[in-house]
C-alpha atoms as a PDB file:
ATOM      1  CA  MET A   1     -83.262 -22.642 -17.246  1.00  0.00           C
ATOM      2  CA  LEU A   2     -84.727 -20.473 -14.515  1.00  0.00           C
ATOM      3  CA  LEU A   3     -87.560 -22.933 -13.913  1.00  0.00           C
ATOM      4  CA  TYR A   4     -85.079 -25.821 -13.782  1.00  0.00           C
ATOM      5  CA  SER A   5     -82.964 -23.920 -11.251  1.00  0.00           C
ATOM      6  CA  LEU A   6     -85.986 -23.144  -9.078  1.00  0.00           C
ATOM      7  CA  ILE A   7     -87.039 -26.790  -9.078  1.00  0.00           C
ATOM      8  CA  MET A   8     -83.502 -27.890  -8.189  1.00  0.00           C
ATOM      9  CA  PHE A   9     -83.288 -25.319  -5.379  1.00  0.00           C
ATOM     10  CA  ALA A  10     -86.663 -26.358  -3.925  1.00  0.00           C
ATOM     11  CA  ALA A  11     -85.906 -30.083  -4.085  1.00  0.00           C
ATOM     12  CA  GLY A  12     -82.365 -29.507  -2.792  1.00  0.00           C
ATOM     13  CA  ALA A  13     -83.629 -27.464   0.159  1.00  0.00           C
ATOM     14  CA  VAL A  14     -86.126 -30.162   1.177  1.00  0.00           C
ATOM     15  CA  ILE A  15     -83.576 -32.969   0.898  1.00  0.00           C
ATOM     16  CA  LEU A  16     -80.984 -30.834   2.694  1.00  0.00           C
ATOM     17  CA  GLY A  17     -83.365 -30.378   5.631  1.00  0.00           C
ATOM     18  CA  VAL A  18     -84.178 -34.082   5.803  1.00  0.00           C
ATOM     19  CA  GLY A  19     -80.499 -35.003   5.385  1.00  0.00           C
ATOM     20  CA  ILE A  20     -79.451 -32.756   8.268  1.00  0.00           C
ATOM     21  CA  ALA A  21     -82.194 -34.181  10.494  1.00  0.00           C
ATOM     22  CA  VAL A  22     -81.241 -37.783   9.678  1.00  0.00           C
ATOM     23  CA  PHE A  23     -77.542 -37.000  10.116  1.00  0.00           C
ATOM     24  CA  ARG A  24     -78.294 -35.623  13.593  1.00  0.00           C
ATOM     25  CA  GLY A  25     -80.020 -38.863  14.589  1.00  0.00           C
ATOM     26  CA  ARG A  26     -83.676 -38.567  13.546  1.00  0.00           C
ATOM     27  CA  THR A  27     -83.704 -42.004  11.965  1.00  0.00           C
ATOM     28  CA  ASN A  28     -87.485 -42.120  12.365  1.00  0.00           C
ATOM     29  CA  LEU A  29     -87.566 -40.173   9.069  1.00  0.00           C
ATOM     30  CA  ILE A  30     -86.266 -43.316   7.353  1.00  0.00           C
ATOM     31  CA  HIS A  31     -88.901 -45.960   6.696  1.00  0.00           C
ATOM     32  CA  ASP A  32     -89.059 -48.709   9.329  1.00  0.00           C
ATOM     33  CA  TYR A  33     -88.544 -51.363   6.680  1.00  0.00           C
ATOM     34  CA  HIS A  34     -85.076 -50.000   5.952  1.00  0.00           C
ATOM     35  CA  GLN A  35     -84.141 -50.120   9.640  1.00  0.00           C
ATOM     36  CA  GLU A  36     -85.436 -53.591  10.465  1.00  0.00           C
ATOM     37  CA  ASN A  37     -82.061 -55.171  11.190  1.00  0.00           C
ATOM     38  CA  VAL A  38     -80.165 -52.113  12.433  1.00  0.00           C
ATOM     39  CA  LYS A  39     -78.934 -52.713  15.972  1.00  0.00           C
ATOM     40  CA  PRO A  40     -79.986 -50.099  18.545  1.00  0.00           C
ATOM     41  CA  GLU A  41     -76.351 -49.254  19.272  1.00  0.00           C
ATOM     42  CA  ASP A  42     -75.754 -48.615  15.543  1.00  0.00           C
ATOM     43  CA  ARG A  43     -78.722 -46.255  15.027  1.00  0.00           C
ATOM     44  CA  LEU A  44     -76.651 -43.079  15.349  1.00  0.00           C
ATOM     45  CA  ARG A  45     -73.949 -44.332  12.954  1.00  0.00           C
ATOM     46  CA  TYR A  46     -76.650 -45.537  10.571  1.00  0.00           C
ATOM     47  CA  GLY A  47     -78.301 -42.117  10.683  1.00  0.00           C
ATOM     48  CA  ARG A  48     -75.004 -40.381   9.998  1.00  0.00           C
ATOM     49  CA  ALA A  49     -74.255 -42.652   7.039  1.00  0.00           C
ATOM     50  CA  MET A  50     -77.728 -42.253   5.536  1.00  0.00           C
ATOM     51  CA  GLY A  51     -77.688 -38.529   6.260  1.00  0.00           C
ATOM     52  CA  ALA A  52     -74.369 -38.181   4.453  1.00  0.00           C
ATOM     53  CA  GLY A  53     -75.877 -39.819   1.383  1.00  0.00           C
ATOM     54  CA  LEU A  54     -78.813 -37.425   1.488  1.00  0.00           C
ATOM     55  CA  LEU A  55     -76.506 -34.433   1.938  1.00  0.00           C
ATOM     56  CA  VAL A  56     -74.547 -35.454  -1.154  1.00  0.00           C
ATOM     57  CA  LEU A  57     -77.831 -35.695  -3.057  1.00  0.00           C
ATOM     58  CA  ALA A  58     -78.844 -32.221  -1.854  1.00  0.00           C
ATOM     59  CA  ALA A  59     -75.456 -30.835  -2.886  1.00  0.00           C
ATOM     60  CA  ALA A  60     -75.891 -32.339  -6.363  1.00  0.00           C
ATOM     61  CA  LEU A  61     -79.316 -30.754  -6.764  1.00  0.00           C
ATOM     62  CA  LEU A  62     -78.186 -27.359  -5.522  1.00  0.00           C
ATOM     63  CA  SER A  63     -74.987 -27.328  -7.576  1.00  0.00           C
ATOM     64  CA  SER A  64     -76.908 -28.349 -10.687  1.00  0.00           C
ATOM     65  CA  GLY A  65     -79.313 -25.455 -10.129  1.00  0.00           C
ATOM     66  CA  ILE A  66     -76.467 -22.987  -9.641  1.00  0.00           C
ATOM     67  CA  LEU A  67     -74.637 -24.235 -12.733  1.00  0.00           C
ATOM     68  CA  ALA A  68     -77.823 -23.949 -14.786  1.00  0.00           C
ATOM     69  CA  LEU A  69     -78.123 -20.290 -13.777  1.00  0.00           C
ATOM     70  CA  CYS A  70     -74.481 -19.478 -14.487  1.00  0.00           C
ATOM     71  CA  LEU A  71     -73.922 -21.316 -17.776  1.00  0.00           C
ATOM     72  CA  THR A  72     -75.460 -20.802 -21.182  1.00  0.00           C
ATOM     73  CA  GLU A  73     -78.681 -22.513 -22.097  1.00  0.00           C
ATOM     74  CA  GLY A  74     -78.094 -25.882 -23.683  1.00  0.00           C
ATOM     75  CA  SER A  75     -75.032 -26.646 -21.566  1.00  0.00           C
ATOM     76  CA  LYS A  76     -74.831 -30.255 -20.393  1.00  0.00           C
ATOM     77  CA  VAL A  77     -72.689 -29.476 -17.334  1.00  0.00           C
ATOM     78  CA  PRO A  78     -75.657 -29.043 -14.921  1.00  0.00           C
ATOM     79  CA  LEU A  79     -77.039 -32.426 -15.929  1.00  0.00           C
ATOM     80  CA  LEU A  80     -73.626 -34.058 -15.584  1.00  0.00           C
ATOM     81  CA  ALA A  81     -73.299 -32.595 -12.079  1.00  0.00           C
ATOM     82  CA  LEU A  82     -76.802 -33.786 -11.218  1.00  0.00           C
ATOM     83  CA  PHE A  83     -76.365 -37.344 -12.459  1.00  0.00           C
ATOM     84  CA  GLY A  84     -72.861 -37.633 -11.038  1.00  0.00           C
ATOM     85  CA  GLY A  85     -74.093 -36.528  -7.624  1.00  0.00           C
ATOM     86  CA  ILE A  86     -77.063 -38.886  -7.786  1.00  0.00           C
ATOM     87  CA  ALA A  87     -74.718 -41.780  -8.597  1.00  0.00           C
ATOM     88  CA  VAL A  88     -72.418 -40.972  -5.658  1.00  0.00           C
ATOM     89  CA  SER A  89     -75.430 -40.576  -3.370  1.00  0.00           C
ATOM     90  CA  ILE A  90     -76.872 -43.935  -4.392  1.00  0.00           C
ATOM     91  CA  VAL A  91     -73.525 -45.626  -3.730  1.00  0.00           C
ATOM     92  CA  LEU A  92     -73.343 -44.065  -0.237  1.00  0.00           C
ATOM     93  CA  LEU A  93     -76.926 -45.012   0.607  1.00  0.00           C
ATOM     94  CA  ILE A  94     -76.497 -48.594  -0.581  1.00  0.00           C
ATOM     95  CA  ARG A  95     -73.241 -48.969   1.363  1.00  0.00           C
ATOM     96  CA  ALA A  96     -74.948 -47.725   4.539  1.00  0.00           C
ATOM     97  CA  GLN A  97     -77.876 -50.092   4.028  1.00  0.00           C
ATOM     98  CA  ARG A  98     -75.622 -53.074   3.466  1.00  0.00           C
ATOM     99  CA  LYS A  99     -73.385 -52.263   6.415  1.00  0.00           C
ATOM    100  CA  TYR A 100     -76.029 -51.560   9.039  1.00  0.00           C
ATOM    101  CA  ASN A 101     -79.140 -53.357   7.779  1.00  0.00           C
ATOM    102  CA  GLY A 102     -77.506 -56.423   6.256  1.00  0.00           C
ATOM    103  CA  GLY A 103     -78.780 -55.733   2.722  1.00  0.00           C
ATOM    104  CA  ILE A 104     -80.541 -53.181   0.611  1.00  0.00           C
ATOM    105  CA  PHE A 105     -83.967 -54.832   0.900  1.00  0.00           C
END
């Protein structure tokens, strides 16, 4: 489980960094296609909403890695935390896309 934890920590750290940057307004890190219909006055709110979704994803990855280190091998709790966090993150990202871009595509 050590390798799993290291992978989760590395991926979580990268997504955490990107999530913080997007949350602070660096929406240029989000593909232009996903920002096509976002109004200029909504860019900061859009960045905060998308950043929040990425921060939840990073938290899921990091918590899954921590749980994998702390619990016995074979425990399903780290995977439940991971998939639960991914589901919440996807919901937040889709809601932000629908609200500010008019759709998810």
